[in-house]
PDB file of all heavy atoms in Angstrom:
ATOM      1  N   VAL A   1       0.883  -1.170   0.000  1.00  0.00           N
ATOM      2  CA  VAL A   1       0.000   0.000   0.000  1.00  0.00           C
ATOM      3  C   VAL A   1       0.918   1.216   0.000  1.00  0.00           C
ATOM      4  O   VAL A   1       1.700   1.417   0.946  1.00  0.00           O
ATOM      5  CB  VAL A   1      -0.925   0.028   1.225  1.00  0.00           C
ATOM      6  CG1 VAL A   1      -1.797   1.288   1.194  1.00  0.00           C
ATOM      7  CG2 VAL A   1      -1.793  -1.217   1.276  1.00  0.00           C
ATOM      8  N   ALA A   2       0.869   2.008  -1.065  1.00  0.00           N
ATOM      9  CA  ALA A   2       1.778   3.143  -1.237  1.00  0.00           C
ATOM     10  C   ALA A   2       1.050   4.445  -0.916  1.00  0.00           C
ATOM     11  O   ALA A   2       0.007   4.742  -1.506  1.00  0.00           O
ATOM     12  CB  ALA A   2       2.316   3.185  -2.662  1.00  0.00           C
ATOM     13  N   LYS A   3       1.617   5.223   0.031  1.00  0.00           N
ATOM     14  CA  LYS A   3       1.043   6.505   0.405  1.00  0.00           C
ATOM     15  C   LYS A   3       2.106   7.591   0.235  1.00  0.00           C
ATOM     16  O   LYS A   3       2.984   7.759   1.070  1.00  0.00           O
ATOM     17  CB  LYS A   3       0.572   6.454   1.867  1.00  0.00           C
ATOM     18  CG  LYS A   3      -0.606   7.395   2.199  1.00  0.00           C
ATOM     19  CD  LYS A   3      -0.304   8.865   2.111  1.00  0.00           C
ATOM     20  CE  LYS A   3       0.486   9.357   3.295  1.00  0.00           C
ATOM     21  NZ  LYS A   3       0.650  10.857   3.267  1.00  0.00           N
ATOM     22  N   PRO A   4       2.059   8.331  -0.866  1.00  0.00           N
ATOM     23  CA  PRO A   4       3.054   9.400  -1.074  1.00  0.00           C
ATOM     24  C   PRO A   4       2.735  10.629  -0.232  1.00  0.00           C
ATOM     25  O   PRO A   4       1.633  10.760   0.322  1.00  0.00           O
ATOM     26  CB  PRO A   4       2.895   9.706  -2.560  1.00  0.00           C
ATOM     27  CG  PRO A   4       1.443   9.440  -2.829  1.00  0.00           C
ATOM     28  CD  PRO A   4       1.083   8.258  -1.960  1.00  0.00           C
ATOM     29  N   ALA A   5       3.691  11.534  -0.146  1.00  0.00           N
ATOM     30  CA  ALA A   5       3.448  12.811   0.510  1.00  0.00           C
ATOM     31  C   ALA A   5       2.307  13.537  -0.189  1.00  0.00           C
ATOM     32  O   ALA A   5       2.159  13.468  -1.411  1.00  0.00           O
ATOM     33  CB  ALA A   5       4.712  13.665   0.472  1.00  0.00           C
ATOM     34  N   GLU A   6       1.504  14.240   0.588  1.00  0.00           N
ATOM     35  CA  GLU A   6       0.320  14.886   0.015  1.00  0.00           C
ATOM     36  C   GLU A   6       0.695  15.947  -1.018  1.00  0.00           C
ATOM     37  O   GLU A   6      -0.079  16.215  -1.943  1.00  0.00           O
ATOM     38  CB  GLU A   6      -0.516  15.514   1.131  1.00  0.00           C
ATOM     39  CG  GLU A   6       0.239  16.530   1.971  1.00  0.00           C
ATOM     40  CD  GLU A   6      -0.552  16.998   3.173  1.00  0.00           C
ATOM     41  OE1 GLU A   6      -1.569  17.681   2.980  1.00  0.00           O
ATOM     42  OE2 GLU A   6      -0.152  16.683   4.308  1.00  0.00           O
ATOM     43  N   GLN A   7       1.900  16.548  -0.888  1.00  0.00           N
ATOM     44  CA  GLN A   7       2.298  17.602  -1.817  1.00  0.00           C
ATOM     45  C   GLN A   7       2.622  17.066  -3.206  1.00  0.00           C
ATOM     46  O   GLN A   7       2.656  17.834  -4.182  1.00  0.00           O
ATOM     47  CB  GLN A   7       3.519  18.350  -1.284  1.00  0.00           C
ATOM     48  CG  GLN A   7       3.289  19.102   0.014  1.00  0.00           C
ATOM     49  CD  GLN A   7       3.696  18.274   1.221  1.00  0.00           C
ATOM     50  OE1 GLN A   7       3.634  17.050   1.190  1.00  0.00           O
ATOM     51  NE2 GLN A   7       4.095  18.930   2.288  1.00  0.00           N
ATOM     52  N   THR A   8       2.883  15.764  -3.335  1.00  0.00           N
ATOM     53  CA  THR A   8       3.329  15.219  -4.626  1.00  0.00           C
ATOM     54  C   THR A   8       2.500  14.003  -5.038  1.00  0.00           C
ATOM     55  O   THR A   8       3.025  13.022  -5.561  1.00  0.00           O
ATOM     56  CB  THR A   8       4.824  14.845  -4.554  1.00  0.00           C
ATOM     57  OG1 THR A   8       5.063  14.040  -3.388  1.00  0.00           O
ATOM     58  CG2 THR A   8       5.699  16.089  -4.480  1.00  0.00           C
ATOM     59  N   SER A   9       1.210  14.079  -4.820  1.00  0.00           N
ATOM     60  CA  SER A   9       0.327  12.947  -5.146  1.00  0.00           C
ATOM     61  C   SER A   9       0.241  12.699  -6.657  1.00  0.00           C
ATOM     62  O   SER A   9       0.112  11.550  -7.091  1.00  0.00           O
ATOM     63  CB  SER A   9      -1.078  13.203  -4.594  1.00  0.00           C
ATOM     64  OG  SER A   9      -1.055  13.296  -3.191  1.00  0.00           O
ATOM     65  N   LEU A  10       0.317  13.740  -7.464  1.00  0.00           N
ATOM     66  CA  LEU A  10       0.129  13.574  -8.910  1.00  0.00           C
ATOM     67  C   LEU A  10       1.258  12.773  -9.543  1.00  0.00           C
ATOM     68  O   LEU A  10       1.021  11.858 -10.339  1.00  0.00           O
ATOM     69  CB  LEU A  10      -0.002  14.942  -9.590  1.00  0.00           C
ATOM     70  CG  LEU A  10      -1.315  15.686  -9.350  1.00  0.00           C
ATOM     71  CD1 LEU A  10      -1.286  17.054 -10.024  1.00  0.00           C
ATOM     72  CD2 LEU A  10      -2.501  14.886  -9.868  1.00  0.00           C
ATOM     73  N   ILE A  11       2.512  13.112  -9.195  1.00  0.00           N
ATOM     74  CA  ILE A  11       3.629  12.371  -9.792  1.00  0.00           C
ATOM     75  C   ILE A  11       3.635  10.936  -9.278  1.00  0.00           C
ATOM     76  O   ILE A  11       3.990  10.007 -10.006  1.00  0.00           O
ATOM     77  CB  ILE A  11       4.973  13.079  -9.531  1.00  0.00           C
ATOM     78  CG1 ILE A  11       6.078  12.458 -10.392  1.00  0.00           C
ATOM     79  CG2 ILE A  11       5.366  13.036  -8.067  1.00  0.00           C
ATOM     80  CD1 ILE A  11       7.370  13.253 -10.398  1.00  0.00           C
ATOM     81  N   ALA A  12       3.210  10.727  -8.025  1.00  0.00           N
ATOM     82  CA  ALA A  12       3.138   9.368  -7.486  1.00  0.00           C
ATOM     83  C   ALA A  12       2.060   8.563  -8.217  1.00  0.00           C
ATOM     84  O   ALA A  12       2.247   7.379  -8.523  1.00  0.00           O
ATOM     85  CB  ALA A  12       2.838   9.414  -5.993  1.00  0.00           C
ATOM     86  N   HIS A  13       0.946   9.210  -8.518  1.00  0.00           N
ATOM     87  CA  HIS A  13      -0.115   8.541  -9.284  1.00  0.00           C
ATOM     88  C   HIS A  13       0.391   8.150 -10.664  1.00  0.00           C
ATOM     89  O   HIS A  13       0.140   7.039 -11.146  1.00  0.00           O
ATOM     90  CB  HIS A  13      -1.329   9.470  -9.403  1.00  0.00           C
ATOM     91  CG  HIS A  13      -2.438   8.905 -10.236  1.00  0.00           C
ATOM     92  ND1 HIS A  13      -2.558   9.166 -11.590  1.00  0.00           N
ATOM     93  CD2 HIS A  13      -3.458   8.082  -9.915  1.00  0.00           C
ATOM     94  CE1 HIS A  13      -3.617   8.526 -12.065  1.00  0.00           C
ATOM     95  NE2 HIS A  13      -4.177   7.861 -11.065  1.00  0.00           N
ATOM     96  N   PHE A  14       1.129   9.052 -11.286  1.00  0.00           N
ATOM     97  CA  PHE A  14       1.717   8.768 -12.596  1.00  0.00           C
ATOM     98  C   PHE A  14       2.646   7.560 -12.510  1.00  0.00           C
ATOM     99  O   PHE A  14       2.619   6.663 -13.366  1.00  0.00           O
ATOM    100  CB  PHE A  14       2.478   9.997 -13.101  1.00  0.00           C
ATOM    101  CG  PHE A  14       3.198   9.794 -14.401  1.00  0.00           C
ATOM    102  CD1 PHE A  14       2.507   9.750 -15.605  1.00  0.00           C
ATOM    103  CD2 PHE A  14       4.580   9.642 -14.428  1.00  0.00           C
ATOM    104  CE1 PHE A  14       3.169   9.556 -16.806  1.00  0.00           C
ATOM    105  CE2 PHE A  14       5.255   9.452 -15.629  1.00  0.00           C
ATOM    106  CZ  PHE A  14       4.544   9.400 -16.819  1.00  0.00           C
ATOM    107  N   GLY A  15       3.482   7.526 -11.461  1.00  0.00           N
ATOM    108  CA  GLY A  15       4.379   6.394 -11.282  1.00  0.00           C
ATOM    109  C   GLY A  15       3.631   5.086 -11.086  1.00  0.00           C
ATOM    110  O   GLY A  15       4.038   4.043 -11.620  1.00  0.00           O
ATOM    111  N   ALA A  16       2.547   5.119 -10.331  1.00  0.00           N
ATOM    112  CA  ALA A  16       1.755   3.901 -10.119  1.00  0.00           C
ATOM    113  C   ALA A  16       1.158   3.405 -11.426  1.00  0.00           C
ATOM    114  O   ALA A  16       1.135   2.198 -11.693  1.00  0.00           O
ATOM    115  CB  ALA A  16       0.649   4.179  -9.098  1.00  0.00           C
ATOM    116  N   GLN A  17       0.696   4.333 -12.261  1.00  0.00           N
ATOM    117  CA  GLN A  17       0.119   3.926 -13.545  1.00  0.00           C
ATOM    118  C   GLN A  17       1.168   3.244 -14.420  1.00  0.00           C
ATOM    119  O   GLN A  17       0.875   2.266 -15.124  1.00  0.00           O
ATOM    120  CB  GLN A  17      -0.465   5.144 -14.274  1.00  0.00           C
ATOM    121  CG  GLN A  17      -1.613   5.822 -13.530  1.00  0.00           C
ATOM    122  CD  GLN A  17      -2.718   4.837 -13.164  1.00  0.00           C
ATOM    123  OE1 GLN A  17      -3.208   4.088 -14.016  1.00  0.00           O
ATOM    124  NE2 GLN A  17      -3.114   4.832 -11.902  1.00  0.00           N
ATOM    125  N   LEU A  18       2.412   3.749 -14.383  1.00  0.00           N
ATOM    126  CA  LEU A  18       3.484   3.103 -15.141  1.00  0.00           C
ATOM    127  C   LEU A  18       3.745   1.688 -14.628  1.00  0.00           C
ATOM    128  O   LEU A  18       4.013   0.768 -15.412  1.00  0.00           O
ATOM    129  CB  LEU A  18       4.763   3.930 -15.059  1.00  0.00           C
ATOM    130  CG  LEU A  18       4.760   5.286 -15.776  1.00  0.00           C
ATOM    131  CD1 LEU A  18       6.098   5.983 -15.573  1.00  0.00           C
ATOM    132  CD2 LEU A  18       4.478   5.119 -17.267  1.00  0.00           C
ATOM    133  N   MET A  19       3.668   1.511 -13.324  1.00  0.00           N
ATOM    134  CA  MET A  19       3.882   0.177 -12.756  1.00  0.00           C
ATOM    135  C   MET A  19       2.778  -0.787 -13.191  1.00  0.00           C
ATOM    136  O   MET A  19       3.045  -1.947 -13.534  1.00  0.00           O
ATOM    137  CB  MET A  19       3.958   0.254 -11.229  1.00  0.00           C
ATOM    138  CG  MET A  19       5.180   0.987 -10.718  1.00  0.00           C
ATOM    139  SD  MET A  19       5.245   1.029  -8.906  1.00  0.00           S
ATOM    140  CE  MET A  19       6.292   2.464  -8.658  1.00  0.00           C
ATOM    141  N   TYR A  20       1.542  -0.298 -13.189  1.00  0.00           N
ATOM    142  CA  TYR A  20       0.431  -1.149 -13.657  1.00  0.00           C
ATOM    143  C   TYR A  20       0.618  -1.508 -15.129  1.00  0.00           C
ATOM    144  O   TYR A  20       0.402  -2.653 -15.545  1.00  0.00           O
ATOM    145  CB  TYR A  20      -0.911  -0.432 -13.457  1.00  0.00           C
ATOM    146  CG  TYR A  20      -1.289  -0.209 -12.005  1.00  0.00           C
ATOM    147  CD1 TYR A  20      -1.871   0.991 -11.603  1.00  0.00           C
ATOM    148  CD2 TYR A  20      -1.066  -1.189 -11.045  1.00  0.00           C
ATOM    149  CE1 TYR A  20      -2.230   1.198 -10.276  1.00  0.00           C
ATOM    150  CE2 TYR A  20      -1.416  -0.982  -9.712  1.00  0.00           C
ATOM    151  CZ  TYR A  20      -2.002   0.221  -9.344  1.00  0.00           C
ATOM    152  OH  TYR A  20      -2.358   0.429  -8.031  1.00  0.00           O
ATOM    153  N   GLN A  21       1.032  -0.522 -15.929  1.00  0.00           N
ATOM    154  CA  GLN A  21       1.266  -0.790 -17.353  1.00  0.00           C
ATOM    155  C   GLN A  21       2.379  -1.812 -17.558  1.00  0.00           C
ATOM    156  O   GLN A  21       2.359  -2.594 -18.511  1.00  0.00           O
ATOM    157  CB  GLN A  21       1.631   0.511 -18.078  1.00  0.00           C
ATOM    158  CG  GLN A  21       0.487   1.505 -18.191  1.00  0.00           C
ATOM    159  CD  GLN A  21       0.936   2.818 -18.804  1.00  0.00           C
ATOM    160  OE1 GLN A  21       1.885   2.861 -19.595  1.00  0.00           O
ATOM    161  NE2 GLN A  21       0.255   3.903 -18.453  1.00  0.00           N
ATOM    162  N   ALA A  22       3.339  -1.819 -16.640  1.00  0.00           N
ATOM    163  CA  ALA A  22       4.463  -2.750 -16.743  1.00  0.00           C
ATOM    164  C   ALA A  22       4.098  -4.158 -16.290  1.00  0.00           C
ATOM    165  O   ALA A  22       4.906  -5.076 -16.430  1.00  0.00           O
ATOM    166  CB  ALA A  22       5.638  -2.238 -15.919  1.00  0.00           C
ATOM    167  N   GLY A  23       2.890  -4.316 -15.733  1.00  0.00           N
ATOM    168  CA  GLY A  23       2.442  -5.644 -15.355  1.00  0.00           C
ATOM    169  C   GLY A  23       2.262  -5.895 -13.880  1.00  0.00           C
ATOM    170  O   GLY A  23       1.917  -7.018 -13.479  1.00  0.00           O
ATOM    171  N   VAL A  24       2.502  -4.900 -13.039  1.00  0.00           N
ATOM    172  CA  VAL A  24       2.254  -5.096 -11.606  1.00  0.00           C
ATOM    173  C   VAL A  24       0.750  -5.207 -11.378  1.00  0.00           C
ATOM    174  O   VAL A  24      -0.002  -4.321 -11.781  1.00  0.00           O
ATOM    175  CB  VAL A  24       2.827  -3.917 -10.778  1.00  0.00           C
ATOM    176  CG1 VAL A  24       2.468  -4.064  -9.300  1.00  0.00           C
ATOM    177  CG2 VAL A  24       4.333  -3.827 -10.955  1.00  0.00           C
ATOM    178  N   PRO A  25       0.273  -6.275 -10.758  1.00  0.00           N
ATOM    179  CA  PRO A  25      -1.175  -6.448 -10.571  1.00  0.00           C
ATOM    180  C   PRO A  25      -1.748  -5.407  -9.600  1.00  0.00           C
ATOM    181  O   PRO A  25      -1.072  -4.989  -8.656  1.00  0.00           O
ATOM    182  CB  PRO A  25      -1.289  -7.852  -9.970  1.00  0.00           C
ATOM    183  CG  PRO A  25       0.017  -8.514 -10.239  1.00  0.00           C
ATOM    184  CD  PRO A  25       1.039  -7.422 -10.258  1.00  0.00           C
ATOM    185  N   PHE A  26      -2.991  -5.024  -9.842  1.00  0.00           N
ATOM    186  CA  PHE A  26      -3.666  -4.119  -8.912  1.00  0.00           C
ATOM    187  C   PHE A  26      -3.718  -4.729  -7.515  1.00  0.00           C
ATOM    188  O   PHE A  26      -3.663  -4.020  -6.511  1.00  0.00           O
ATOM    189  CB  PHE A  26      -5.087  -3.817  -9.399  1.00  0.00           C
ATOM    190  CG  PHE A  26      -5.140  -2.856 -10.552  1.00  0.00           C
ATOM    191  CD1 PHE A  26      -5.264  -3.331 -11.852  1.00  0.00           C
ATOM    192  CD2 PHE A  26      -5.080  -1.492 -10.355  1.00  0.00           C
ATOM    193  CE1 PHE A  26      -5.320  -2.453 -12.921  1.00  0.00           C
ATOM    194  CE2 PHE A  26      -5.135  -0.604 -11.410  1.00  0.00           C
ATOM    195  CZ  PHE A  26      -5.253  -1.089 -12.703  1.00  0.00           C
ATOM    196  N   GLU A  27      -3.849  -6.049  -7.461  1.00  0.00           N
ATOM    197  CA  GLU A  27      -3.941  -6.719  -6.169  1.00  0.00           C
ATOM    198  C   GLU A  27      -2.637  -6.623  -5.379  1.00  0.00           C
ATOM    199  O   GLU A  27      -2.632  -6.763  -4.153  1.00  0.00           O
ATOM    200  CB  GLU A  27      -4.295  -8.198  -6.358  1.00  0.00           C
ATOM    201  CG  GLU A  27      -5.670  -8.443  -6.955  1.00  0.00           C
ATOM    202  CD  GLU A  27      -5.692  -8.266  -8.468  1.00  0.00           C
ATOM    203  OE1 GLU A  27      -4.598  -8.040  -9.063  1.00  0.00           O
ATOM    204  OE2 GLU A  27      -6.785  -8.336  -9.057  1.00  0.00           O
ATOM    205  N   ALA A  28      -1.533  -6.410  -6.077  1.00  0.00           N
ATOM    206  CA  ALA A  28      -0.233  -6.356  -5.403  1.00  0.00           C
ATOM    207  C   ALA A  28       0.141  -4.947  -4.987  1.00  0.00           C
ATOM    208  O   ALA A  28       0.946  -4.766  -4.061  1.00  0.00           O
ATOM    209  CB  ALA A  28       0.858  -6.915  -6.319  1.00  0.00           C
ATOM    210  N   LEU A  29      -0.418  -3.934  -5.641  1.00  0.00           N
ATOM    211  CA  LEU A  29      -0.068  -2.543  -5.350  1.00  0.00           C
ATOM    212  C   LEU A  29      -1.323  -1.695  -5.271  1.00  0.00           C
ATOM    213  O   LEU A  29      -2.052  -1.557  -6.257  1.00  0.00           O
ATOM    214  CB  LEU A  29       0.871  -1.991  -6.425  1.00  0.00           C
ATOM    215  CG  LEU A  29       1.162  -0.482  -6.369  1.00  0.00           C
ATOM    216  CD1 LEU A  29       1.826  -0.099  -5.051  1.00  0.00           C
ATOM    217  CD2 LEU A  29       2.024  -0.059  -7.554  1.00  0.00           C
ATOM    218  N   GLN A  30      -1.564  -1.145  -4.100  1.00  0.00           N
ATOM    219  CA  GLN A  30      -2.679  -0.223  -3.910  1.00  0.00           C
ATOM    220  C   GLN A  30      -2.115   1.170  -3.665  1.00  0.00           C
ATOM    221  O   GLN A  30      -1.216   1.354  -2.833  1.00  0.00           O
ATOM    222  CB  GLN A  30      -3.544  -0.662  -2.723  1.00  0.00           C
ATOM    223  CG  GLN A  30      -4.282  -1.966  -2.951  1.00  0.00           C
ATOM    224  CD  GLN A  30      -5.359  -1.840  -4.020  1.00  0.00           C
ATOM    225  OE1 GLN A  30      -6.202  -0.951  -3.967  1.00  0.00           O
ATOM    226  NE2 GLN A  30      -5.307  -2.732  -5.003  1.00  0.00           N
ATOM    227  N   PHE A  31      -2.654   2.148  -4.385  1.00  0.00           N
ATOM    228  CA  PHE A  31      -2.185   3.527  -4.308  1.00  0.00           C
ATOM    229  C   PHE A  31      -3.189   4.341  -3.495  1.00  0.00           C
ATOM    230  O   PHE A  31      -4.388   4.355  -3.804  1.00  0.00           O
ATOM    231  CB  PHE A  31      -2.042   4.091  -5.727  1.00  0.00           C
ATOM    232  CG  PHE A  31      -1.731   5.559  -5.779  1.00  0.00           C
ATOM    233  CD1 PHE A  31      -0.473   6.030  -5.441  1.00  0.00           C
ATOM    234  CD2 PHE A  31      -2.693   6.473  -6.190  1.00  0.00           C
ATOM    235  CE1 PHE A  31      -0.181   7.380  -5.495  1.00  0.00           C
ATOM    236  CE2 PHE A  31      -2.413   7.824  -6.254  1.00  0.00           C
ATOM    237  CZ  PHE A  31      -1.149   8.276  -5.907  1.00  0.00           C
ATOM    238  N   VAL A  32      -2.702   5.011  -2.429  1.00  0.00           N
ATOM    239  CA  VAL A  32      -3.584   5.749  -1.528  1.00  0.00           C
ATOM    240  C   VAL A  32      -3.037   7.165  -1.370  1.00  0.00           C
ATOM    241  O   VAL A  32      -1.824   7.351  -1.180  1.00  0.00           O
ATOM    242  CB  VAL A  32      -3.651   5.074  -0.139  1.00  0.00           C
ATOM    243  CG1 VAL A  32      -4.554   5.868   0.802  1.00  0.00           C
ATOM    244  CG2 VAL A  32      -4.151   3.642  -0.264  1.00  0.00           C
TER     245      VAL A  32
END
């Protein structure tokens, strides 16, 4: 469960989307 700093949520969201595109399952990584 990944919780980035509140000031940089957008870039963290972008990074999570890249991880999902690379094949990381949603069940393995939750973005909060």
